[in-house]
Amino acid sequence: MSLRQKYLALILAIFIIELLVATTLAQIRFIRGSISDFLVVALIYFSVQAIKPLPPLRLAIGVFLFACLVEISQYFHLADQLPIPPGGVVHILLGNTFSLQDIAMYLLGSIAAYGCDRWLCKSA
């Protein structure tokens, strides 16, 4: 299996788990609120690696910082201040509830994606 195929398989697996979290497991607060944050950074990480492979550590740090920027935008309620319709995709993706727990889950997800890439995918 090529490296790109491994990344695509990981993307598909994470996406399916995210769908389950958002639908079937949505009523379980910890899973919906925390596990989805953990998984989304891994999904972003492997999506980037599938499109344009980057050094794993640099990418893990970049994805974590990106997620933190989104979380900081939630602290300032950026989604509410922009001329975007409430309930729209961009509004939902930006969110509006800041949480340090989310940042912790982004960190753990970034570390897990990096570790998985180094161990399973044997990326340099």
C-alpha atoms as a PDB file:
ATOM      1  CA  MET A   1       0.000   0.000   0.000  1.00  0.00           C
ATOM      2  CA  SER A   2       1.439   3.372  -0.973  1.00  0.00           C
ATOM      3  CA  LEU A   3       1.861   6.175   1.536  1.00  0.00           C
ATOM      4  CA  ARG A   4      -0.908   8.190  -0.138  1.00  0.00           C
ATOM      5  CA  GLN A   5      -3.260   5.185   0.085  1.00  0.00           C
ATOM      6  CA  LYS A   6      -2.472   4.853   3.806  1.00  0.00           C
ATOM      7  CA  TYR A   7      -3.346   8.512   4.323  1.00  0.00           C
ATOM      8  CA  LEU A   8      -6.566   8.148   2.350  1.00  0.00           C
ATOM      9  CA  ALA A   9      -7.521   5.063   4.380  1.00  0.00           C
ATOM     10  CA  LEU A  10      -6.889   6.980   7.613  1.00  0.00           C
ATOM     11  CA  ILE A  11      -8.929   9.936   6.337  1.00  0.00           C
ATOM     12  CA  LEU A  12     -11.840   7.650   5.476  1.00  0.00           C
ATOM     13  CA  ALA A  13     -11.695   5.869   8.844  1.00  0.00           C
ATOM     14  CA  ILE A  14     -11.546   9.132  10.808  1.00  0.00           C
ATOM     15  CA  PHE A  15     -14.335  10.658   8.724  1.00  0.00           C
ATOM     16  CA  ILE A  16     -16.604   7.664   9.372  1.00  0.00           C
ATOM     17  CA  ILE A  17     -15.870   7.871  13.104  1.00  0.00           C
ATOM     18  CA  GLU A  18     -16.597  11.634  13.017  1.00  0.00           C
ATOM     19  CA  LEU A  19     -19.947  10.919  11.348  1.00  0.00           C
ATOM     20  CA  LEU A  20     -20.788   8.380  14.048  1.00  0.00           C
ATOM     21  CA  VAL A  21     -19.809  10.878  16.746  1.00  0.00           C
ATOM     22  CA  ALA A  22     -21.958  13.597  15.153  1.00  0.00           C
ATOM     23  CA  THR A  23     -24.995  11.359  14.704  1.00  0.00           C
ATOM     24  CA  THR A  24     -25.240   8.170  16.746  1.00  0.00           C
ATOM     25  CA  LEU A  25     -23.091   9.344  19.679  1.00  0.00           C
ATOM     26  CA  ALA A  26     -24.125  13.016  19.654  1.00  0.00           C
ATOM     27  CA  GLN A  27     -26.045  12.729  22.914  1.00  0.00           C
ATOM     28  CA  ILE A  28     -22.932  11.635  24.832  1.00  0.00           C
ATOM     29  CA  ARG A  29     -21.477  15.013  25.711  1.00  0.00           C
ATOM     30  CA  PHE A  30     -17.838  13.995  26.266  1.00  0.00           C
ATOM     31  CA  ILE A  31     -17.658  12.078  23.005  1.00  0.00           C
ATOM     32  CA  ARG A  32     -19.358  14.807  20.970  1.00  0.00           C
ATOM     33  CA  GLY A  33     -17.455  17.656  22.611  1.00  0.00           C
ATOM     34  CA  SER A  34     -13.998  16.192  23.102  1.00  0.00           C
ATOM     35  CA  ILE A  35     -13.421  13.154  20.920  1.00  0.00           C
ATOM     36  CA  SER A  36     -14.581  15.070  17.856  1.00  0.00           C
ATOM     37  CA  ASP A  37     -11.989  17.787  18.624  1.00  0.00           C
ATOM     38  CA  PHE A  38      -9.312  15.108  18.957  1.00  0.00           C
ATOM     39  CA  LEU A  39     -10.335  13.544  15.650  1.00  0.00           C
ATOM     40  CA  VAL A  40     -10.727  16.742  13.621  1.00  0.00           C
ATOM     41  CA  VAL A  41      -7.065  17.720  13.965  1.00  0.00           C
ATOM     42  CA  ALA A  42      -6.054  14.205  12.881  1.00  0.00           C
ATOM     43  CA  LEU A  43      -8.423  14.489   9.922  1.00  0.00           C
ATOM     44  CA  ILE A  44      -6.852  17.806   8.911  1.00  0.00           C
ATOM     45  CA  TYR A  45      -3.334  16.432   9.420  1.00  0.00           C
ATOM     46  CA  PHE A  46      -3.851  13.362   7.223  1.00  0.00           C
ATOM     47  CA  SER A  47      -5.768  15.352   4.607  1.00  0.00           C
ATOM     48  CA  VAL A  48      -2.797  17.670   4.200  1.00  0.00           C
ATOM     49  CA  GLN A  49      -0.382  14.724   4.104  1.00  0.00           C
ATOM     50  CA  ALA A  50      -2.486  13.056   1.383  1.00  0.00           C
ATOM     51  CA  ILE A  51      -2.433  16.206  -0.760  1.00  0.00           C
ATOM     52  CA  LYS A  52       1.085  17.476  -0.163  1.00  0.00           C
ATOM     53  CA  PRO A  53       3.314  15.489   2.169  1.00  0.00           C
ATOM     54  CA  LEU A  54       5.089  17.687   4.702  1.00  0.00           C
ATOM     55  CA  PRO A  55       7.529  16.957   7.524  1.00  0.00           C
ATOM     56  CA  PRO A  56       5.333  15.294  10.183  1.00  0.00           C
ATOM     57  CA  LEU A  57       6.465  17.347  13.186  1.00  0.00           C
ATOM     58  CA  ARG A  58       6.116  20.648  11.342  1.00  0.00           C
ATOM     59  CA  LEU A  59       2.656  19.671  10.123  1.00  0.00           C
ATOM     60  CA  ALA A  60       1.516  18.488  13.564  1.00  0.00           C
ATOM     61  CA  ILE A  61       2.581  21.807  15.076  1.00  0.00           C
ATOM     62  CA  GLY A  62       0.942  23.737  12.237  1.00  0.00           C
ATOM     63  CA  VAL A  63      -2.350  21.882  12.555  1.00  0.00           C
ATOM     64  CA  PHE A  64      -2.333  22.383  16.329  1.00  0.00           C
ATOM     65  CA  LEU A  65      -1.677  26.126  15.935  1.00  0.00           C
ATOM     66  CA  PHE A  66      -4.410  26.394  13.303  1.00  0.00           C
ATOM     67  CA  ALA A  67      -6.885  24.679  15.638  1.00  0.00           C
ATOM     68  CA  CYS A  68      -5.827  27.026  18.443  1.00  0.00           C
ATOM     69  CA  LEU A  69      -6.461  30.035  16.192  1.00  0.00           C
ATOM     70  CA  VAL A  70      -9.957  28.752  15.497  1.00  0.00           C
ATOM     71  CA  GLU A  71     -10.496  28.271  19.237  1.00  0.00           C
ATOM     72  CA  ILE A  72      -9.222  31.784  19.967  1.00  0.00           C
ATOM     73  CA  SER A  73     -11.632  33.129  17.345  1.00  0.00           C
ATOM     74  CA  GLN A  74     -14.375  31.455  19.376  1.00  0.00           C
ATOM     75  CA  TYR A  75     -13.266  33.341  22.477  1.00  0.00           C
ATOM     76  CA  PHE A  76     -13.807  36.599  20.577  1.00  0.00           C
ATOM     77  CA  HIS A  77     -17.040  35.326  18.947  1.00  0.00           C
ATOM     78  CA  LEU A  78     -15.617  35.996  15.492  1.00  0.00           C
ATOM     79  CA  ALA A  79     -18.360  33.962  13.814  1.00  0.00           C
ATOM     80  CA  ASP A  80     -20.979  36.322  15.267  1.00  0.00           C
ATOM     81  CA  GLN A  81     -19.063  39.422  14.160  1.00  0.00           C
ATOM     82  CA  LEU A  82     -18.537  38.399  10.530  1.00  0.00           C
ATOM     83  CA  PRO A  83     -21.215  38.924   7.888  1.00  0.00           C
ATOM     84  CA  ILE A  84     -21.935  35.217   7.613  1.00  0.00           C
ATOM     85  CA  PRO A  85     -25.336  33.648   8.183  1.00  0.00           C
ATOM     86  CA  PRO A  86     -25.827  32.008  11.584  1.00  0.00           C
ATOM     87  CA  GLY A  87     -26.195  28.268  11.176  1.00  0.00           C
ATOM     88  CA  GLY A  88     -24.260  28.287   7.907  1.00  0.00           C
ATOM     89  CA  VAL A  89     -21.285  26.010   7.329  1.00  0.00           C
ATOM     90  CA  VAL A  90     -18.642  28.692   7.994  1.00  0.00           C
ATOM     91  CA  HIS A  91     -20.450  29.847  11.137  1.00  0.00           C
ATOM     92  CA  ILE A  92     -20.645  26.281  12.427  1.00  0.00           C
ATOM     93  CA  LEU A  93     -16.993  25.550  11.577  1.00  0.00           C
ATOM     94  CA  LEU A  94     -15.796  28.679  13.379  1.00  0.00           C
ATOM     95  CA  GLY A  95     -18.032  27.998  16.364  1.00  0.00           C
ATOM     96  CA  ASN A  96     -18.555  30.372  19.268  1.00  0.00           C
ATOM     97  CA  THR A  97     -17.703  28.526  22.479  1.00  0.00           C
ATOM     98  CA  PHE A  98     -14.121  28.806  23.735  1.00  0.00           C
ATOM     99  CA  SER A  99     -12.765  25.963  25.858  1.00  0.00           C
ATOM    100  CA  LEU A 100      -9.322  25.116  27.210  1.00  0.00           C
ATOM    101  CA  GLN A 101     -10.397  21.474  27.129  1.00  0.00           C
ATOM    102  CA  ASP A 102     -10.786  21.792  23.348  1.00  0.00           C
ATOM    103  CA  ILE A 103      -7.200  23.053  23.092  1.00  0.00           C
ATOM    104  CA  ALA A 104      -6.033  20.082  25.148  1.00  0.00           C
ATOM    105  CA  MET A 105      -7.880  17.724  22.794  1.00  0.00           C
ATOM    106  CA  TYR A 106      -6.326  19.478  19.770  1.00  0.00           C
ATOM    107  CA  LEU A 107      -2.904  18.936  21.323  1.00  0.00           C
ATOM    108  CA  LEU A 108      -3.576  15.255  21.997  1.00  0.00           C
ATOM    109  CA  GLY A 109      -5.008  14.777  18.512  1.00  0.00           C
ATOM    110  CA  SER A 110      -1.988  16.445  16.919  1.00  0.00           C
ATOM    111  CA  ILE A 111       0.383  14.270  18.923  1.00  0.00           C
ATOM    112  CA  ALA A 112      -1.589  11.145  18.006  1.00  0.00           C
ATOM    113  CA  ALA A 113      -1.632  12.060  14.297  1.00  0.00           C
ATOM    114  CA  TYR A 114       2.114  12.707  14.380  1.00  0.00           C
ATOM    115  CA  GLY A 115       2.759   9.428  16.188  1.00  0.00           C
ATOM    116  CA  CYS A 116       0.503   7.501  13.833  1.00  0.00           C
ATOM    117  CA  ASP A 117       2.236   9.043  10.835  1.00  0.00           C
ATOM    118  CA  ARG A 118       5.680   8.193  12.181  1.00  0.00           C
ATOM    119  CA  TRP A 119       4.745   4.670  13.300  1.00  0.00           C
ATOM    120  CA  LEU A 120       2.115   3.411  10.844  1.00  0.00           C
ATOM    121  CA  CYS A 121       2.983   5.388   7.760  1.00  0.00           C
ATOM    122  CA  LYS A 122       6.737   5.469   8.390  1.00  0.00           C
ATOM    123  CA  SER A 123       6.878   9.060   7.155  1.00  0.00           C
ATOM    124  CA  ALA A 124      10.273  10.769   7.365  1.00  0.00           C
END
